Amino acid sequence: MKNKTFYVTLLPLTALFCLLPLVLDDYKLHVVIVSLFYAMMASSWNLIAGYTGQVSFAHAAFAGIGAYTSGILAVKAGVNPWIGIGIGVVAAAVLGLAVGVLCLRMGGIYLSLTTLGFSEILHIIITNEYEFTRGTMGLQVPGLITHYSKSAYLYIFIAATVITLVVIYRLIHSNIGLNFRAVQNDERAASSLGVNVIGVRVVAFTVSSALAGLAGGLYGHYLLLITPEIPSLNQQFLVLSMTVIGGLGSFVGPIVGAFVLEVLSEYIRAYGEYHVLVFGLVALGMARFFPKGLTGLVQQYKTRQTHVMGEA
């Protein structure tokens, strides 16, 4: 029944998004495309943090791995960008698997610090390497289509977002998803019942890393320029803020948070990088006072209205 509801909701929304080029100009289409990128990033990071309770700061780094792998292959070896993105996804998944196996046994603050270190090391390498990554100048890469078109890229990102959401939804509503929640709620109890706690975490981490690599690869070829900003901590904290503000641990929350914060950021660009700080402070406030985010507030409101109507 849940699967049917999911697809019945997803199909009309997808069709609605496909009609946006008829009513939006290129600038607004750009905002929607970037929002879809962040929806992919936030939803895949939520797979780790929201469903297994492991906070990783390497998610943007895996997006950077996907982007730079595809970009370098296209520029240096003449590999078709579509094939390069596929290789980038595999590279992000393999590195995610390696990092997961090494770090997920620690968990908690130790996992966060280790992934933070991994992210910073990767960012330093990319920034200082000139021959392959072009450092802070950025790596100019070819597009995914012959004739650049915002509408065409919108359809590409819609397809990629749908694939990402379907993969995540099917995963969290499978037996593995039950293990995710068991590990998140009480890993000792889950282990005593035969759940491979480390294995469950590694699966979530690897899938999440692969999806981040997909998002990063598409985003780099959309911008036609891959810069160290993609795997930066600013990007990571922005994704974290979107997930927490939207609703950590909910399926819809990260999507809502991505669109709300990206649209909002377009109105406060004048404050430069300070908008990331603002989002971080809002995320802290939401985590403290409204831990279920915007979706949780909506659900509380619906519950209260139902209760009031019941009393009437």
C-alpha atoms as a PDB file:
ATOM      1  CA  MET A   1       0.000   0.000   0.000  1.00  0.00           C
ATOM      2  CA  LYS A   2       2.852   2.380   0.890  1.00  0.00           C
ATOM      3  CA  ASN A   3       4.597   1.669  -2.406  1.00  0.00           C
ATOM      4  CA  LYS A   4       1.421   2.418  -4.335  1.00  0.00           C
ATOM      5  CA  THR A   5       0.918   5.721  -2.494  1.00  0.00           C
ATOM      6  CA  PHE A   6       4.539   6.685  -3.145  1.00  0.00           C
ATOM      7  CA  TYR A   7       4.342   6.121  -6.903  1.00  0.00           C
ATOM      8  CA  VAL A   8       0.876   7.690  -7.177  1.00  0.00           C
ATOM      9  CA  THR A   9       2.336  10.829  -5.564  1.00  0.00           C
ATOM     10  CA  LEU A  10       5.641  10.766  -7.442  1.00  0.00           C
ATOM     11  CA  LEU A  11       4.270  10.451 -10.981  1.00  0.00           C
ATOM     12  CA  PRO A  12       2.028  13.570 -10.975  1.00  0.00           C
ATOM     13  CA  LEU A  13       4.769  15.639  -9.313  1.00  0.00           C
ATOM     14  CA  THR A  14       7.265  14.494 -11.930  1.00  0.00           C
ATOM     15  CA  ALA A  15       4.838  15.409 -14.708  1.00  0.00           C
ATOM     16  CA  LEU A  16       4.277  18.806 -13.088  1.00  0.00           C
ATOM     17  CA  PHE A  17       8.016  19.512 -12.967  1.00  0.00           C
ATOM     18  CA  CYS A  18       8.330  18.520 -16.620  1.00  0.00           C
ATOM     19  CA  LEU A  19       5.902  21.316 -17.502  1.00  0.00           C
ATOM     20  CA  LEU A  20       7.950  24.032 -15.763  1.00  0.00           C
ATOM     21  CA  PRO A  21       9.862  25.115 -18.932  1.00  0.00           C
ATOM     22  CA  LEU A  22       6.516  26.299 -20.300  1.00  0.00           C
ATOM     23  CA  VAL A  23       6.063  28.855 -17.507  1.00  0.00           C
ATOM     24  CA  LEU A  24       9.528  29.680 -16.114  1.00  0.00           C
ATOM     25  CA  ASP A  25      12.413  31.657 -17.595  1.00  0.00           C
ATOM     26  CA  ASP A  26      16.018  30.397 -17.639  1.00  0.00           C
ATOM     27  CA  TYR A  27      16.941  31.959 -14.300  1.00  0.00           C
ATOM     28  CA  LYS A  28      14.046  30.323 -12.472  1.00  0.00           C
ATOM     29  CA  LEU A  29      14.766  27.026 -14.225  1.00  0.00           C
ATOM     30  CA  HIS A  30      18.334  27.311 -12.921  1.00  0.00           C
ATOM     31  CA  VAL A  31      17.011  27.707  -9.370  1.00  0.00           C
ATOM     32  CA  VAL A  32      14.844  24.603  -9.810  1.00  0.00           C
ATOM     33  CA  ILE A  33      17.782  22.600 -11.222  1.00  0.00           C
ATOM     34  CA  VAL A  34      20.048  23.580  -8.318  1.00  0.00           C
ATOM     35  CA  SER A  35      17.217  22.739  -5.904  1.00  0.00           C
ATOM     36  CA  LEU A  36      16.947  19.269  -7.465  1.00  0.00           C
ATOM     37  CA  PHE A  37      20.707  18.825  -7.021  1.00  0.00           C
ATOM     38  CA  TYR A  38      20.401  19.683  -3.343  1.00  0.00           C
ATOM     39  CA  ALA A  39      17.345  17.457  -2.997  1.00  0.00           C
ATOM     40  CA  MET A  40      19.512  14.558  -4.238  1.00  0.00           C
ATOM     41  CA  MET A  41      22.318  15.516  -1.864  1.00  0.00           C
ATOM     42  CA  ALA A  42      20.124  16.051   1.201  1.00  0.00           C
ATOM     43  CA  SER A  43      18.047  12.906   0.634  1.00  0.00           C
ATOM     44  CA  SER A  44      21.136  10.726   0.213  1.00  0.00           C
ATOM     45  CA  TRP A  45      22.831  12.245   3.294  1.00  0.00           C
ATOM     46  CA  ASN A  46      19.612  11.647   5.233  1.00  0.00           C
ATOM     47  CA  LEU A  47      20.027   7.946   4.442  1.00  0.00           C
ATOM     48  CA  ILE A  48      23.037   7.918   6.769  1.00  0.00           C
ATOM     49  CA  ALA A  49      22.126  10.497   9.382  1.00  0.00           C
ATOM     50  CA  GLY A  50      18.353  10.113   9.431  1.00  0.00           C
ATOM     51  CA  TYR A  51      18.015   6.346   9.171  1.00  0.00           C
ATOM     52  CA  THR A  52      21.173   4.949  10.816  1.00  0.00           C
ATOM     53  CA  GLY A  53      22.036   7.834  13.145  1.00  0.00           C
ATOM     54  CA  GLN A  54      25.580   8.306  11.810  1.00  0.00           C
ATOM     55  CA  VAL A  55      26.641  11.901  11.144  1.00  0.00           C
ATOM     56  CA  SER A  56      29.190  12.092   8.327  1.00  0.00           C
ATOM     57  CA  PHE A  57      30.838  15.288   7.097  1.00  0.00           C
ATOM     58  CA  ALA A  58      32.227  13.660   3.944  1.00  0.00           C
ATOM     59  CA  HIS A  59      29.077  13.742   1.818  1.00  0.00           C
ATOM     60  CA  ALA A  60      30.063  16.809  -0.202  1.00  0.00           C
ATOM     61  CA  ALA A  61      33.498  15.210  -0.641  1.00  0.00           C
ATOM     62  CA  PHE A  62      31.905  12.218  -2.364  1.00  0.00           C
ATOM     63  CA  ALA A  63      29.982  14.584  -4.636  1.00  0.00           C
ATOM     64  CA  GLY A  64      33.334  16.156  -5.475  1.00  0.00           C
ATOM     65  CA  ILE A  65      34.820  12.741  -6.209  1.00  0.00           C
ATOM     66  CA  GLY A  66      32.016  12.001  -8.650  1.00  0.00           C
ATOM     67  CA  ALA A  67      32.364  15.413 -10.287  1.00  0.00           C
ATOM     68  CA  TYR A  68      36.153  15.456 -10.612  1.00  0.00           C
ATOM     69  CA  THR A  69      36.378  11.825 -11.747  1.00  0.00           C
ATOM     70  CA  SER A  70      33.955  12.469 -14.584  1.00  0.00           C
ATOM     71  CA  GLY A  71      35.446  15.869 -15.416  1.00  0.00           C
ATOM     72  CA  ILE A  72      39.068  14.706 -15.503  1.00  0.00           C
ATOM     73  CA  LEU A  73      38.182  11.674 -17.632  1.00  0.00           C
ATOM     74  CA  ALA A  74      36.311  13.902 -20.084  1.00  0.00           C
ATOM     75  CA  VAL A  75      39.053  16.543 -20.330  1.00  0.00           C
ATOM     76  CA  LYS A  76      42.192  14.401 -20.121  1.00  0.00           C
ATOM     77  CA  ALA A  77      41.047  11.155 -21.759  1.00  0.00           C
ATOM     78  CA  GLY A  78      38.155  12.250 -23.958  1.00  0.00           C
ATOM     79  CA  VAL A  79      35.712   9.932 -22.190  1.00  0.00           C
ATOM     80  CA  ASN A  80      32.034  10.581 -22.902  1.00  0.00           C
ATOM     81  CA  PRO A  81      30.624  12.561 -19.916  1.00  0.00           C
ATOM     82  CA  TRP A  82      27.772  10.077 -19.449  1.00  0.00           C
ATOM     83  CA  ILE A  83      30.258   7.222 -19.129  1.00  0.00           C
ATOM     84  CA  GLY A  84      32.429   9.422 -16.916  1.00  0.00           C
ATOM     85  CA  ILE A  85      29.536  10.066 -14.557  1.00  0.00           C
ATOM     86  CA  GLY A  86      28.971   6.318 -14.270  1.00  0.00           C
ATOM     87  CA  ILE A  87      32.649   5.814 -13.437  1.00  0.00           C
ATOM     88  CA  GLY A  88      32.430   8.699 -10.960  1.00  0.00           C
ATOM     89  CA  VAL A  89      29.501   7.016  -9.210  1.00  0.00           C
ATOM     90  CA  VAL A  90      31.516   3.800  -8.928  1.00  0.00           C
ATOM     91  CA  ALA A  91      34.564   5.721  -7.634  1.00  0.00           C
ATOM     92  CA  ALA A  92      32.443   7.481  -4.991  1.00  0.00           C
ATOM     93  CA  ALA A  93      30.867   4.157  -3.972  1.00  0.00           C
ATOM     94  CA  VAL A  94      34.248   2.393  -3.686  1.00  0.00           C
ATOM     95  CA  LEU A  95      35.768   5.215  -1.631  1.00  0.00           C
ATOM     96  CA  GLY A  96      32.600   5.369   0.444  1.00  0.00           C
ATOM     97  CA  LEU A  97      32.909   1.642   1.088  1.00  0.00           C
ATOM     98  CA  ALA A  98      36.566   2.052   2.091  1.00  0.00           C
ATOM     99  CA  VAL A  99      35.876   4.994   4.406  1.00  0.00           C
ATOM    100  CA  GLY A 100      32.838   3.219   5.828  1.00  0.00           C
ATOM    101  CA  VAL A 101      34.739   0.031   6.624  1.00  0.00           C
ATOM    102  CA  LEU A 102      37.535   2.026   8.288  1.00  0.00           C
ATOM    103  CA  CYS A 103      35.439   4.551  10.206  1.00  0.00           C
ATOM    104  CA  LEU A 104      31.981   3.180  10.950  1.00  0.00           C
ATOM    105  CA  ARG A 105      33.197   0.912  13.728  1.00  0.00           C
ATOM    106  CA  MET A 106      33.932   4.051  15.724  1.00  0.00           C
ATOM    107  CA  GLY A 107      30.602   5.816  15.273  1.00  0.00           C
ATOM    108  CA  GLY A 108      29.490   8.927  17.119  1.00  0.00           C
ATOM    109  CA  ILE A 109      31.809  11.916  17.362  1.00  0.00           C
ATOM    110  CA  TYR A 110      34.772   9.860  16.156  1.00  0.00           C
ATOM    111  CA  LEU A 111      33.063   9.128  12.841  1.00  0.00           C
ATOM    112  CA  SER A 112      32.179  12.806  12.437  1.00  0.00           C
ATOM    113  CA  LEU A 113      35.755  13.929  13.121  1.00  0.00           C
ATOM    114  CA  THR A 114      37.265  11.294  10.830  1.00  0.00           C
ATOM    115  CA  THR A 115      34.988  12.138   7.918  1.00  0.00           C
ATOM    116  CA  LEU A 116      35.602  15.838   8.574  1.00  0.00           C
ATOM    117  CA  GLY A 117      39.333  15.184   8.266  1.00  0.00           C
ATOM    118  CA  PHE A 118      38.837  13.138   5.098  1.00  0.00           C
ATOM    119  CA  SER A 119      36.771  15.924   3.563  1.00  0.00           C
ATOM    120  CA  GLU A 120      39.357  18.597   4.390  1.00  0.00           C
ATOM    121  CA  ILE A 121      42.266  16.505   3.076  1.00  0.00           C
ATOM    122  CA  LEU A 122      40.436  15.936  -0.213  1.00  0.00           C
ATOM    123  CA  HIS A 123      39.599  19.634  -0.463  1.00  0.00           C
ATOM    124  CA  ILE A 124      43.240  20.615   0.127  1.00  0.00           C
ATOM    125  CA  ILE A 125      44.455  18.155  -2.523  1.00  0.00           C
ATOM    126  CA  ILE A 126      41.952  19.416  -5.092  1.00  0.00           C
ATOM    127  CA  THR A 127      42.726  23.055  -4.307  1.00  0.00           C
ATOM    128  CA  ASN A 128      46.509  22.661  -4.567  1.00  0.00           C
ATOM    129  CA  GLU A 129      46.631  20.218  -7.488  1.00  0.00           C
ATOM    130  CA  TYR A 130      46.849  22.189 -10.722  1.00  0.00           C
ATOM    131  CA  GLU A 131      47.708  19.728 -13.487  1.00  0.00           C
ATOM    132  CA  PHE A 132      44.547  17.650 -13.194  1.00  0.00           C
ATOM    133  CA  THR A 133      42.017  19.684 -11.188  1.00  0.00           C
ATOM    134  CA  ARG A 134      43.215  23.188 -12.181  1.00  0.00           C
ATOM    135  CA  GLY A 135      43.072  24.109  -8.486  1.00  0.00           C
ATOM    136  CA  THR A 136      41.036  27.155  -7.527  1.00  0.00           C
ATOM    137  CA  MET A 137      40.704  28.174 -11.186  1.00  0.00           C
ATOM    138  CA  GLY A 138      38.296  25.288 -11.711  1.00  0.00           C
ATOM    139  CA  LEU A 139      38.174  22.559 -14.330  1.00  0.00           C
ATOM    140  CA  GLN A 140      36.223  23.442 -17.462  1.00  0.00           C
ATOM    141  CA  VAL A 141      34.290  20.380 -18.617  1.00  0.00           C
ATOM    142  CA  PRO A 142      31.997  19.587 -21.559  1.00  0.00           C
ATOM    143  CA  GLY A 143      28.251  19.489 -21.165  1.00  0.00           C
ATOM    144  CA  LEU A 144      26.059  16.419 -21.220  1.00  0.00           C
ATOM    145  CA  ILE A 145      24.250  17.566 -24.346  1.00  0.00           C
ATOM    146  CA  THR A 146      25.450  19.076 -27.619  1.00  0.00           C
ATOM    147  CA  HIS A 147      23.367  22.252 -27.412  1.00  0.00           C
ATOM    148  CA  TYR A 148      23.192  23.766 -23.934  1.00  0.00           C
ATOM    149  CA  SER A 149      19.602  24.094 -22.763  1.00  0.00           C
ATOM    150  CA  LYS A 150      18.185  24.749 -19.303  1.00  0.00           C
ATOM    151  CA  SER A 151      15.072  22.782 -20.211  1.00  0.00           C
ATOM    152  CA  ALA A 152      17.102  19.732 -21.248  1.00  0.00           C
ATOM    153  CA  TYR A 153      19.139  19.847 -18.044  1.00  0.00           C
ATOM    154  CA  LEU A 154      15.959  20.202 -16.028  1.00  0.00           C
ATOM    155  CA  TYR A 155      14.702  16.917 -17.488  1.00  0.00           C
ATOM    156  CA  ILE A 156      18.057  15.257 -16.768  1.00  0.00           C
ATOM    157  CA  PHE A 157      17.970  16.370 -13.144  1.00  0.00           C
ATOM    158  CA  ILE A 158      14.320  15.382 -12.769  1.00  0.00           C
ATOM    159  CA  ALA A 159      15.195  11.872 -13.984  1.00  0.00           C
ATOM    160  CA  ALA A 160      18.227  11.662 -11.683  1.00  0.00           C
ATOM    161  CA  THR A 161      16.234  12.920  -8.687  1.00  0.00           C
ATOM    162  CA  VAL A 162      13.458  10.399  -9.337  1.00  0.00           C
ATOM    163  CA  ILE A 163      16.023   7.592  -9.566  1.00  0.00           C
ATOM    164  CA  THR A 164      17.636   8.752  -6.316  1.00  0.00           C
ATOM    165  CA  LEU A 165      14.320   8.955  -4.470  1.00  0.00           C
ATOM    166  CA  VAL A 166      13.143   5.578  -5.755  1.00  0.00           C
ATOM    167  CA  VAL A 167      16.412   3.912  -4.688  1.00  0.00           C
ATOM    168  CA  ILE A 168      16.217   5.471  -1.218  1.00  0.00           C
ATOM    169  CA  TYR A 169      12.516   4.695  -0.800  1.00  0.00           C
ATOM    170  CA  ARG A 170      12.885   1.075  -1.874  1.00  0.00           C
ATOM    171  CA  LEU A 171      15.885   0.674   0.405  1.00  0.00           C
ATOM    172  CA  ILE A 172      14.318   2.109   3.560  1.00  0.00           C
ATOM    173  CA  HIS A 173      11.112   0.122   3.010  1.00  0.00           C
ATOM    174  CA  SER A 174      12.944  -3.177   2.597  1.00  0.00           C
ATOM    175  CA  ASN A 175      14.298  -5.579   5.195  1.00  0.00           C
ATOM    176  CA  ILE A 176      17.557  -3.632   5.099  1.00  0.00           C
ATOM    177  CA  GLY A 177      15.575  -0.501   5.975  1.00  0.00           C
ATOM    178  CA  LEU A 178      14.179  -2.250   9.039  1.00  0.00           C
ATOM    179  CA  ASN A 179      17.742  -3.011  10.043  1.00  0.00           C
ATOM    180  CA  PHE A 180      18.622   0.665   9.551  1.00  0.00           C
ATOM    181  CA  ARG A 181      15.994   1.724  12.054  1.00  0.00           C
ATOM    182  CA  ALA A 182      16.876  -1.067  14.465  1.00  0.00           C
ATOM    183  CA  VAL A 183      20.514   0.027  14.485  1.00  0.00           C
ATOM    184  CA  GLN A 184      19.524   3.664  14.904  1.00  0.00           C
ATOM    185  CA  ASN A 185      17.175   3.008  17.825  1.00  0.00           C
ATOM    186  CA  ASP A 186      19.354   0.573  19.789  1.00  0.00           C
ATOM    187  CA  GLU A 187      22.394  -0.968  18.154  1.00  0.00           C
ATOM    188  CA  ARG A 188      23.095  -3.303  21.080  1.00  0.00           C
ATOM    189  CA  ALA A 189      19.589  -4.723  20.951  1.00  0.00           C
ATOM    190  CA  ALA A 190      19.815  -5.009  17.164  1.00  0.00           C
ATOM    191  CA  SER A 191      23.151  -6.828  17.452  1.00  0.00           C
ATOM    192  CA  SER A 192      21.721  -9.232  20.017  1.00  0.00           C
ATOM    193  CA  LEU A 193      18.972 -10.117  17.517  1.00  0.00           C
ATOM    194  CA  GLY A 194      21.521 -11.019  14.852  1.00  0.00           C
ATOM    195  CA  VAL A 195      21.727  -7.728  12.936  1.00  0.00           C
ATOM    196  CA  ASN A 196      25.187  -7.002  11.525  1.00  0.00           C
ATOM    197  CA  VAL A 197      25.429  -3.434  12.821  1.00  0.00           C
ATOM    198  CA  ILE A 198      28.637  -2.517  11.001  1.00  0.00           C
ATOM    199  CA  GLY A 199      27.448  -4.157   7.781  1.00  0.00           C
ATOM    200  CA  VAL A 200      24.169  -2.220   7.871  1.00  0.00           C
ATOM    201  CA  ARG A 201      25.995   1.062   8.383  1.00  0.00           C
ATOM    202  CA  VAL A 202      28.451   0.306   5.586  1.00  0.00           C
ATOM    203  CA  VAL A 203      25.598  -0.455   3.150  1.00  0.00           C
ATOM    204  CA  ALA A 204      23.914   2.872   3.965  1.00  0.00           C
ATOM    205  CA  PHE A 205      27.216   4.747   3.714  1.00  0.00           C
ATOM    206  CA  THR A 206      28.160   3.169   0.376  1.00  0.00           C
ATOM    207  CA  VAL A 207      24.767   3.766  -1.264  1.00  0.00           C
ATOM    208  CA  SER A 208      24.696   7.320   0.066  1.00  0.00           C
ATOM    209  CA  SER A 209      28.205   7.977  -1.290  1.00  0.00           C
ATOM    210  CA  ALA A 210      27.279   6.608  -4.732  1.00  0.00           C
ATOM    211  CA  LEU A 211      24.189   8.833  -4.923  1.00  0.00           C
ATOM    212  CA  ALA A 212      26.283  11.852  -3.886  1.00  0.00           C
ATOM    213  CA  GLY A 213      28.740  10.981  -6.661  1.00  0.00           C
ATOM    214  CA  LEU A 214      25.867  10.909  -9.158  1.00  0.00           C
ATOM    215  CA  ALA A 215      24.608  14.313  -8.002  1.00  0.00           C
ATOM    216  CA  GLY A 216      28.099  15.826  -8.105  1.00  0.00           C
ATOM    217  CA  GLY A 217      28.867  14.493 -11.581  1.00  0.00           C
ATOM    218  CA  LEU A 218      25.648  15.840 -13.062  1.00  0.00           C
ATOM    219  CA  TYR A 219      26.063  19.174 -11.299  1.00  0.00           C
ATOM    220  CA  GLY A 220      29.611  19.671 -12.568  1.00  0.00           C
ATOM    221  CA  HIS A 221      28.648  19.001 -16.186  1.00  0.00           C
ATOM    222  CA  TYR A 222      25.623  21.255 -15.817  1.00  0.00           C
ATOM    223  CA  LEU A 223      27.763  24.173 -14.621  1.00  0.00           C
ATOM    224  CA  LEU A 224      30.454  23.318 -17.218  1.00  0.00           C
ATOM    225  CA  LEU A 225      32.969  24.132 -14.471  1.00  0.00           C
ATOM    226  CA  ILE A 226      34.019  21.981 -11.530  1.00  0.00           C
ATOM    227  CA  THR A 227      35.545  23.909  -8.626  1.00  0.00           C
ATOM    228  CA  PRO A 228      36.693  23.048  -5.079  1.00  0.00           C
ATOM    229  CA  GLU A 229      33.419  24.589  -3.880  1.00  0.00           C
ATOM    230  CA  ILE A 230      31.578  21.338  -4.683  1.00  0.00           C
ATOM    231  CA  PRO A 231      33.466  19.214  -2.088  1.00  0.00           C
ATOM    232  CA  SER A 232      33.794  22.096   0.415  1.00  0.00           C
ATOM    233  CA  LEU A 233      32.601  22.152   4.005  1.00  0.00           C
ATOM    234  CA  ASN A 234      30.311  25.065   3.113  1.00  0.00           C
ATOM    235  CA  GLN A 235      28.506  22.725   0.753  1.00  0.00           C
ATOM    236  CA  GLN A 236      28.396  20.008   3.412  1.00  0.00           C
ATOM    237  CA  PHE A 237      26.939  22.293   6.064  1.00  0.00           C
ATOM    238  CA  LEU A 238      24.386  23.609   3.593  1.00  0.00           C
ATOM    239  CA  VAL A 239      23.228  20.046   2.867  1.00  0.00           C
ATOM    240  CA  LEU A 240      23.130  19.344   6.603  1.00  0.00           C
ATOM    241  CA  SER A 241      21.035  22.460   7.204  1.00  0.00           C
ATOM    242  CA  MET A 242      18.589  21.525   4.453  1.00  0.00           C
ATOM    243  CA  THR A 243      18.110  18.061   5.922  1.00  0.00           C
ATOM    244  CA  VAL A 244      17.667  19.201   9.515  1.00  0.00           C
ATOM    245  CA  ILE A 245      15.394  22.136   8.676  1.00  0.00           C
ATOM    246  CA  GLY A 246      13.288  19.995   6.351  1.00  0.00           C
ATOM    247  CA  GLY A 247      13.055  17.101   8.750  1.00  0.00           C
ATOM    248  CA  LEU A 248      15.881  14.688   9.610  1.00  0.00           C
ATOM    249  CA  GLY A 249      14.794  11.063   9.405  1.00  0.00           C
ATOM    250  CA  SER A 250      11.776  11.730   7.201  1.00  0.00           C
ATOM    251  CA  PHE A 251      11.585  10.915   3.510  1.00  0.00           C
ATOM    252  CA  VAL A 252      10.003  14.202   2.386  1.00  0.00           C
ATOM    253  CA  GLY A 253      11.861  16.484   4.800  1.00  0.00           C
ATOM    254  CA  PRO A 254      15.208  16.794   2.949  1.00  0.00           C
ATOM    255  CA  ILE A 255      13.387  17.503  -0.331  1.00  0.00           C
ATOM    256  CA  VAL A 256      11.330  20.272   1.281  1.00  0.00           C
ATOM    257  CA  GLY A 257      14.411  21.667   3.025  1.00  0.00           C
ATOM    258  CA  ALA A 258      16.403  21.697  -0.228  1.00  0.00           C
ATOM    259  CA  PHE A 259      13.792  23.697  -2.133  1.00  0.00           C
ATOM    260  CA  VAL A 260      12.979  26.065   0.724  1.00  0.00           C
ATOM    261  CA  LEU A 261      16.599  26.925   1.508  1.00  0.00           C
ATOM    262  CA  GLU A 262      17.747  27.178  -2.114  1.00  0.00           C
ATOM    263  CA  VAL A 263      14.888  29.539  -2.999  1.00  0.00           C
ATOM    264  CA  LEU A 264      15.516  31.504   0.194  1.00  0.00           C
ATOM    265  CA  SER A 265      19.247  31.724  -0.545  1.00  0.00           C
ATOM    266  CA  GLU A 266      18.485  33.443  -3.847  1.00  0.00           C
ATOM    267  CA  TYR A 267      16.950  36.286  -1.864  1.00  0.00           C
ATOM    268  CA  ILE A 268      19.888  36.711   0.530  1.00  0.00           C
ATOM    269  CA  ARG A 269      22.805  36.369  -1.915  1.00  0.00           C
ATOM    270  CA  ALA A 270      23.763  39.930  -1.031  1.00  0.00           C
ATOM    271  CA  TYR A 271      25.107  38.649   2.301  1.00  0.00           C
ATOM    272  CA  GLY A 272      27.629  36.426   0.517  1.00  0.00           C
ATOM    273  CA  GLU A 273      28.842  33.354   2.396  1.00  0.00           C
ATOM    274  CA  TYR A 274      27.108  34.540   5.566  1.00  0.00           C
ATOM    275  CA  HIS A 275      23.916  32.916   4.312  1.00  0.00           C
ATOM    276  CA  VAL A 276      25.503  29.522   5.099  1.00  0.00           C
ATOM    277  CA  LEU A 277      26.064  30.713   8.688  1.00  0.00           C
ATOM    278  CA  VAL A 278      22.449  31.850   8.888  1.00  0.00           C
ATOM    279  CA  PHE A 279      21.229  28.474   7.654  1.00  0.00           C
ATOM    280  CA  GLY A 280      23.488  26.745  10.185  1.00  0.00           C
ATOM    281  CA  LEU A 281      22.053  28.786  13.054  1.00  0.00           C
ATOM    282  CA  VAL A 282      18.509  28.098  11.870  1.00  0.00           C
ATOM    283  CA  ALA A 283      19.350  24.386  11.634  1.00  0.00           C
ATOM    284  CA  LEU A 284      20.657  24.422  15.231  1.00  0.00           C
ATOM    285  CA  GLY A 285      17.492  26.160  16.386  1.00  0.00           C
ATOM    286  CA  MET A 286      15.290  23.677  14.545  1.00  0.00           C
ATOM    287  CA  ALA A 287      17.253  20.726  15.932  1.00  0.00           C
ATOM    288  CA  ARG A 288      16.857  22.103  19.458  1.00  0.00           C
ATOM    289  CA  PHE A 289      13.225  23.205  19.458  1.00  0.00           C
ATOM    290  CA  PHE A 290      11.661  21.395  16.468  1.00  0.00           C
ATOM    291  CA  PRO A 291      13.745  18.236  15.935  1.00  0.00           C
ATOM    292  CA  LYS A 292      11.394  16.920  13.256  1.00  0.00           C
ATOM    293  CA  GLY A 293      11.813  20.026  11.107  1.00  0.00           C
ATOM    294  CA  LEU A 294       9.270  21.651   8.830  1.00  0.00           C
ATOM    295  CA  THR A 295       7.571  18.366   7.999  1.00  0.00           C
ATOM    296  CA  GLY A 296       7.251  17.665  11.706  1.00  0.00           C
ATOM    297  CA  LEU A 297       5.613  21.044  12.266  1.00  0.00           C
ATOM    298  CA  VAL A 298       3.120  20.350   9.485  1.00  0.00           C
ATOM    299  CA  GLN A 299       2.364  16.950  10.984  1.00  0.00           C
ATOM    300  CA  GLN A 300       1.885  18.479  14.441  1.00  0.00           C
ATOM    301  CA  TYR A 301      -0.495  21.049  12.997  1.00  0.00           C
ATOM    302  CA  LYS A 302      -2.540  18.348  11.238  1.00  0.00           C
ATOM    303  CA  THR A 303      -2.669  16.270  14.420  1.00  0.00           C
ATOM    304  CA  ARG A 304      -3.800  19.269  16.457  1.00  0.00           C
ATOM    305  CA  GLN A 305      -6.489  20.168  13.931  1.00  0.00           C
ATOM    306  CA  THR A 306      -7.749  16.585  13.907  1.00  0.00           C
ATOM    307  CA  HIS A 307      -7.848  16.587  17.720  1.00  0.00           C
ATOM    308  CA  VAL A 308      -9.749  19.915  17.783  1.00  0.00           C
ATOM    309  CA  MET A 309     -12.258  18.675  15.216  1.00  0.00           C
ATOM    310  CA  GLY A 310     -12.686  15.461  17.191  1.00  0.00           C
ATOM    311  CA  GLU A 311     -13.494  17.379  20.351  1.00  0.00           C
ATOM    312  CA  ALA A 312     -15.985  19.546  18.434  1.00  0.00           C
END
